[in-house]
Amino acid sequence: MADYIIKLAQTKKEKEEAYQLRYEVFLNELGQGIQPLCAQKIETDIYDRWCDHLIVVDKSNNMTVGTYRLLPGRNAYTGAGFYSEKIFDIGKIKGLGKDIAEVGRSCVHKDYREGLIISLLWKGIADYIKANNTRYLFGSVRLYTTDPGEITEIFGMIKEKYYSAQHLRVVPKKESVFEGLNPQPEAASGKETFLKLPALLKGYLRLGMKVCGEPAWDRHLESVVFFIMLDINEMTPSYRKHFFEP
């Protein structure tokens, strides 16, 4: 860990380096959704100005190799709102108060994906949570498939094992409803279906995050997304001890 710096981006240059990493991962690698700003080779949107941008910097070459953006409630309520609001009705989540924060735009440089950087990013998020007295983290995470049958299978497993309490449910907005989903799927084989999930979503679920409703279609990302949320008080004990206890 001594080889890396974990910090919130403070300067315009540091923020642009985070946007450039997002461009490289989301556009050059994944190649779908998100309209690029080709001249600057950055990926950014109207929410970034209201966000805090967590970065991991490799001290050996001064390169930003990982990033996460965090949008605290106090900023969203006075700014452009939450990104998730474009896709879901999140009235119940907003009703939790100001000790909430949206997480998103997580990415790691392709040469640094051995797991350490994600761990460092979560250490930074834990420090952010403590510094800002945040209790609830939420956001949307995308799947790698758009096949209705596969999505229904995943949703069946989610409802069986990782579904939120009713008072935390969200629903897709009319224009974001994912067509072809069976809203009452049969429970799928947990282990086999879990292994099909993207690494980020698997990590979130292991951490203790819950899925708060049906998947939706994110037109910006051109992907199917789930809305996920974590109550810090209900975090998986082993992770809570690792990130929050001295």
Protein backbone atom coordinates (compact mmCIF):
# COMPACT_ATOMS: atom_id res chain seq x y z
CA MET A 1 0.00 0.00 0.00
CA ALA A 2 3.00 2.27 0.48
CA ASP A 3 3.35 2.33 -3.30
CA TYR A 4 -0.01 4.07 -3.73
CA ILE A 5 -1.79 7.25 -2.66
CA ILE A 6 -5.53 7.13 -1.93
CA LYS A 7 -7.12 10.57 -1.88
CA LEU A 8 -9.94 12.78 -3.04
CA ALA A 9 -9.05 14.64 -6.24
CA GLN A 10 -8.48 18.30 -5.37
CA THR A 11 -7.17 19.95 -8.51
CA LYS A 12 -8.59 20.27 -12.00
CA LYS A 13 -5.71 18.10 -13.25
CA GLU A 14 -6.48 15.31 -10.77
CA LYS A 15 -10.16 15.30 -11.71
CA GLU A 16 -9.37 15.25 -15.41
CA GLU A 17 -7.08 12.27 -14.88
CA ALA A 18 -10.02 10.44 -13.29
CA TYR A 19 -12.23 11.37 -16.26
CA GLN A 20 -9.52 10.17 -18.66
CA LEU A 21 -9.33 6.81 -16.90
CA ARG A 22 -13.11 6.51 -17.15
CA TYR A 23 -12.91 7.29 -20.87
CA GLU A 24 -10.28 4.60 -21.37
CA VAL A 25 -12.27 1.94 -19.50
CA PHE A 26 -15.86 2.77 -20.40
CA LEU A 27 -15.33 3.78 -24.02
CA ASN A 28 -12.14 2.24 -25.37
CA GLU A 29 -12.53 -1.07 -23.53
CA LEU A 30 -16.26 -1.56 -23.12
CA GLY A 31 -17.18 0.44 -26.20
CA GLN A 32 -20.83 0.94 -25.42
CA GLY A 33 -23.02 3.77 -24.24
CA ILE A 34 -21.74 7.08 -22.90
CA GLN A 35 -21.20 9.67 -25.61
CA PRO A 36 -17.48 10.53 -25.73
CA LEU A 37 -15.83 13.92 -25.76
CA CYS A 38 -13.26 12.78 -28.29
CA ALA A 39 -11.03 15.83 -28.34
CA GLN A 40 -10.23 15.71 -24.62
CA LYS A 41 -10.67 11.93 -24.31
CA ILE A 42 -12.56 12.32 -21.05
CA GLU A 43 -15.82 10.79 -19.82
CA THR A 44 -17.85 13.21 -17.73
CA ASP A 45 -21.40 14.38 -17.17
CA ILE A 46 -23.41 17.07 -15.38
CA TYR A 47 -23.16 15.29 -12.03
CA ASP A 48 -19.36 15.36 -11.78
CA ARG A 49 -19.17 18.97 -10.61
CA TRP A 50 -21.22 18.04 -7.52
CA CYS A 51 -19.25 14.87 -6.75
CA ASP A 52 -16.17 14.00 -4.75
CA HIS A 53 -13.77 11.94 -6.83
CA LEU A 54 -11.75 9.29 -5.05
CA ILE A 55 -8.53 8.34 -6.84
CA VAL A 56 -5.69 5.87 -6.37
CA VAL A 57 -2.34 7.07 -7.70
CA ASP A 58 0.65 4.83 -8.42
CA LYS A 59 3.56 6.74 -6.86
CA SER A 60 6.10 5.06 -9.15
CA ASN A 61 4.75 6.82 -12.25
CA ASN A 62 2.27 9.35 -10.79
CA MET A 63 -0.54 7.71 -12.77
CA THR A 64 -4.17 7.57 -11.66
CA VAL A 65 -5.03 3.86 -11.76
CA GLY A 66 -8.39 3.70 -10.01
CA THR A 67 -11.32 5.97 -9.33
CA TYR A 68 -14.77 6.14 -7.77
CA ARG A 69 -17.10 9.08 -7.60
CA LEU A 70 -19.23 9.86 -4.57
CA LEU A 71 -22.22 12.19 -4.56
CA PRO A 72 -23.29 13.10 -1.01
CA GLY A 73 -26.91 13.96 -0.35
CA ARG A 74 -26.10 17.52 0.70
CA ASN A 75 -24.66 18.19 -2.77
CA ALA A 76 -27.33 16.33 -4.74
CA TYR A 77 -30.18 18.21 -3.07
CA THR A 78 -28.66 21.57 -4.01
CA GLY A 79 -27.27 20.47 -7.37
CA ALA A 80 -28.43 18.28 -10.24
CA GLY A 81 -29.89 15.50 -8.10
CA PHE A 82 -28.70 11.90 -8.21
CA TYR A 83 -27.71 10.02 -11.36
CA SER A 84 -29.98 7.14 -10.35
CA GLU A 85 -33.00 9.43 -10.48
CA LYS A 86 -32.77 9.41 -14.28
CA ILE A 87 -33.59 5.70 -14.26
CA PHE A 88 -35.45 4.90 -11.04
CA ASP A 89 -38.05 6.47 -8.76
CA ILE A 90 -35.92 6.69 -5.61
CA GLY A 91 -38.29 8.64 -3.40
CA LYS A 92 -38.01 6.13 -0.56
CA ILE A 93 -34.22 6.36 -0.61
CA LYS A 94 -34.21 10.15 -0.59
CA GLY A 95 -36.63 9.98 2.32
CA LEU A 96 -33.84 8.52 4.45
CA GLY A 97 -32.41 12.01 4.90
CA LYS A 98 -29.06 13.62 4.19
CA ASP A 99 -26.73 10.90 5.49
CA ILE A 100 -26.82 9.17 2.10
CA ALA A 101 -24.34 9.11 -0.77
CA GLU A 102 -24.43 7.77 -4.29
CA VAL A 103 -21.44 5.81 -5.57
CA GLY A 104 -20.63 5.16 -9.19
CA ARG A 105 -18.24 5.34 -12.13
CA SER A 106 -15.97 2.77 -10.53
CA CYS A 107 -13.07 1.72 -12.72
CA VAL A 108 -9.52 0.44 -12.52
CA HIS A 109 -6.79 0.65 -15.15
CA LYS A 110 -6.44 -2.63 -17.08
CA ASP A 111 -2.87 -3.17 -15.84
CA TYR A 112 -3.85 -2.94 -12.15
CA ARG A 113 -6.79 -5.35 -11.76
CA GLU A 114 -5.30 -7.83 -9.33
CA GLY A 115 -7.69 -6.75 -6.57
CA LEU A 116 -5.48 -4.42 -4.56
CA ILE A 117 -6.74 -1.23 -6.18
CA ILE A 118 -10.39 -2.05 -5.51
CA SER A 119 -9.47 -2.79 -1.89
CA LEU A 120 -7.71 0.58 -1.66
CA LEU A 121 -10.72 2.34 -3.19
CA TRP A 122 -12.99 0.76 -0.58
CA LYS A 123 -10.58 1.82 2.15
CA GLY A 124 -10.95 5.35 0.79
CA ILE A 125 -14.74 5.02 0.72
CA ALA A 126 -14.72 3.79 4.34
CA ASP A 127 -12.68 6.85 5.38
CA TYR A 128 -15.10 9.06 3.44
CA ILE A 129 -18.08 7.46 5.17
CA LYS A 130 -16.57 8.07 8.61
CA ALA A 131 -15.59 11.65 7.80
CA ASN A 132 -19.05 12.52 6.47
CA ASN A 133 -21.21 10.48 8.89
CA THR A 134 -22.73 8.62 5.95
CA ARG A 135 -25.00 5.69 6.75
CA TYR A 136 -26.41 4.68 3.37
CA LEU A 137 -24.55 4.13 0.09
CA PHE A 138 -26.43 3.47 -3.12
CA GLY A 139 -26.06 3.47 -6.87
CA SER A 140 -26.72 1.48 -10.01
CA VAL A 141 -24.57 -1.34 -11.31
CA ARG A 142 -24.80 -2.76 -14.79
CA LEU A 143 -24.97 -6.31 -16.04
CA TYR A 144 -23.02 -7.70 -18.99
CA THR A 145 -26.10 -9.20 -20.62
CA THR A 146 -29.30 -7.77 -22.05
CA ASP A 147 -30.94 -11.15 -22.69
CA PRO A 148 -34.39 -11.18 -21.00
CA GLY A 149 -34.08 -14.85 -20.04
CA GLU A 150 -30.70 -14.37 -18.38
CA ILE A 151 -31.85 -11.18 -16.65
CA THR A 152 -34.94 -12.98 -15.33
CA GLU A 153 -32.76 -15.81 -14.01
CA ILE A 154 -30.49 -13.34 -12.22
CA PHE A 155 -33.46 -11.45 -10.84
CA GLY A 156 -34.91 -14.70 -9.46
CA MET A 157 -31.69 -15.41 -7.56
CA ILE A 158 -31.53 -11.80 -6.34
CA LYS A 159 -35.09 -11.89 -5.01
CA GLU A 160 -34.35 -15.13 -3.17
CA LYS A 161 -31.10 -14.05 -1.51
CA TYR A 162 -30.27 -10.36 -1.87
CA TYR A 163 -33.52 -8.36 -1.98
CA SER A 164 -34.07 -5.28 0.15
CA ALA A 165 -36.82 -4.64 2.66
CA GLN A 166 -40.03 -3.23 1.18
CA HIS A 167 -39.51 0.26 2.61
CA LEU A 168 -36.33 0.61 0.53
CA ARG A 169 -37.73 -0.44 -2.83
CA VAL A 170 -37.32 1.57 -6.02
CA VAL A 171 -39.07 1.14 -9.38
CA PRO A 172 -37.83 1.88 -12.89
CA LYS A 173 -39.23 5.01 -14.47
CA LYS A 174 -41.62 4.44 -17.34
CA GLU A 175 -39.03 5.14 -20.02
CA SER A 176 -36.52 2.84 -18.29
CA VAL A 177 -38.64 -0.29 -17.89
CA PHE A 178 -36.73 -3.34 -19.16
CA GLU A 179 -39.00 -5.12 -21.61
CA GLY A 180 -39.15 -8.91 -21.47
CA LEU A 181 -38.46 -9.30 -17.76
CA ASN A 182 -40.61 -11.77 -15.85
CA PRO A 183 -41.31 -9.84 -12.61
CA GLN A 184 -42.21 -13.07 -10.79
CA PRO A 185 -39.31 -15.36 -11.68
CA GLU A 186 -38.66 -18.75 -10.17
CA ALA A 187 -35.80 -18.91 -7.70
CA ALA A 188 -32.65 -19.76 -9.64
CA SER A 189 -29.72 -21.93 -8.58
CA GLY A 190 -27.90 -19.53 -6.30
CA LYS A 191 -24.27 -20.53 -6.76
CA GLU A 192 -24.33 -21.04 -10.51
CA THR A 193 -26.26 -17.83 -11.17
CA PHE A 194 -24.12 -15.81 -8.75
CA LEU A 195 -20.99 -16.79 -10.67
CA LYS A 196 -22.48 -15.25 -13.83
CA LEU A 197 -22.64 -11.80 -12.26
CA PRO A 198 -20.12 -9.04 -13.03
CA ALA A 199 -17.27 -8.91 -10.52
CA LEU A 200 -18.39 -5.51 -9.25
CA LEU A 201 -21.91 -6.71 -8.44
CA LYS A 202 -20.58 -9.87 -6.78
CA GLY A 203 -18.34 -7.70 -4.63
CA TYR A 204 -21.23 -5.44 -3.67
CA LEU A 205 -23.42 -8.37 -2.63
CA ARG A 206 -20.63 -9.93 -0.57
CA LEU A 207 -20.19 -6.57 1.12
CA GLY A 208 -23.82 -6.66 2.26
CA MET A 209 -25.50 -4.52 -0.35
CA LYS A 210 -29.10 -5.27 -1.29
CA VAL A 211 -30.87 -4.95 -4.62
CA CYS A 212 -33.86 -2.64 -4.21
CA GLY A 213 -36.14 -3.56 -7.11
CA GLU A 214 -36.50 -4.73 -10.67
CA PRO A 215 -33.67 -4.10 -13.15
CA ALA A 216 -34.00 -1.16 -15.52
CA TRP A 217 -32.68 -0.02 -18.89
CA ASP A 218 -30.05 2.72 -18.65
CA ARG A 219 -30.15 4.51 -22.01
CA HIS A 220 -26.93 6.38 -21.26
CA LEU A 221 -24.94 3.20 -20.65
CA GLU A 222 -27.03 1.13 -23.08
CA SER A 223 -27.14 -1.54 -20.39
CA VAL A 224 -29.43 -3.26 -17.90
CA VAL A 225 -28.78 -1.99 -14.36
CA PHE A 226 -29.79 -2.89 -10.83
CA PHE A 227 -30.25 -0.33 -8.07
CA ILE A 228 -28.20 -1.40 -5.06
CA MET A 229 -27.94 0.00 -1.53
CA LEU A 230 -25.89 -0.59 1.60
CA ASP A 231 -26.89 0.27 5.15
CA ILE A 232 -23.51 0.58 6.87
CA ASN A 233 -25.06 -0.84 10.03
CA GLU A 234 -25.92 -4.03 8.12
CA MET A 235 -22.60 -4.46 6.35
CA THR A 236 -21.19 -8.01 6.30
CA PRO A 237 -19.37 -8.29 9.67
CA SER A 238 -16.01 -9.38 8.24
CA TYR A 239 -15.92 -6.41 5.86
CA ARG A 240 -17.11 -4.01 8.54
CA LYS A 241 -14.30 -5.15 10.82
CA HIS A 242 -11.75 -4.84 8.01
CA PHE A 243 -12.74 -1.35 6.88
CA PHE A 244 -14.13 0.32 9.99
CA GLU A 245 -12.49 -1.17 13.04
CA PRO A 246 -8.91 -0.32 14.03
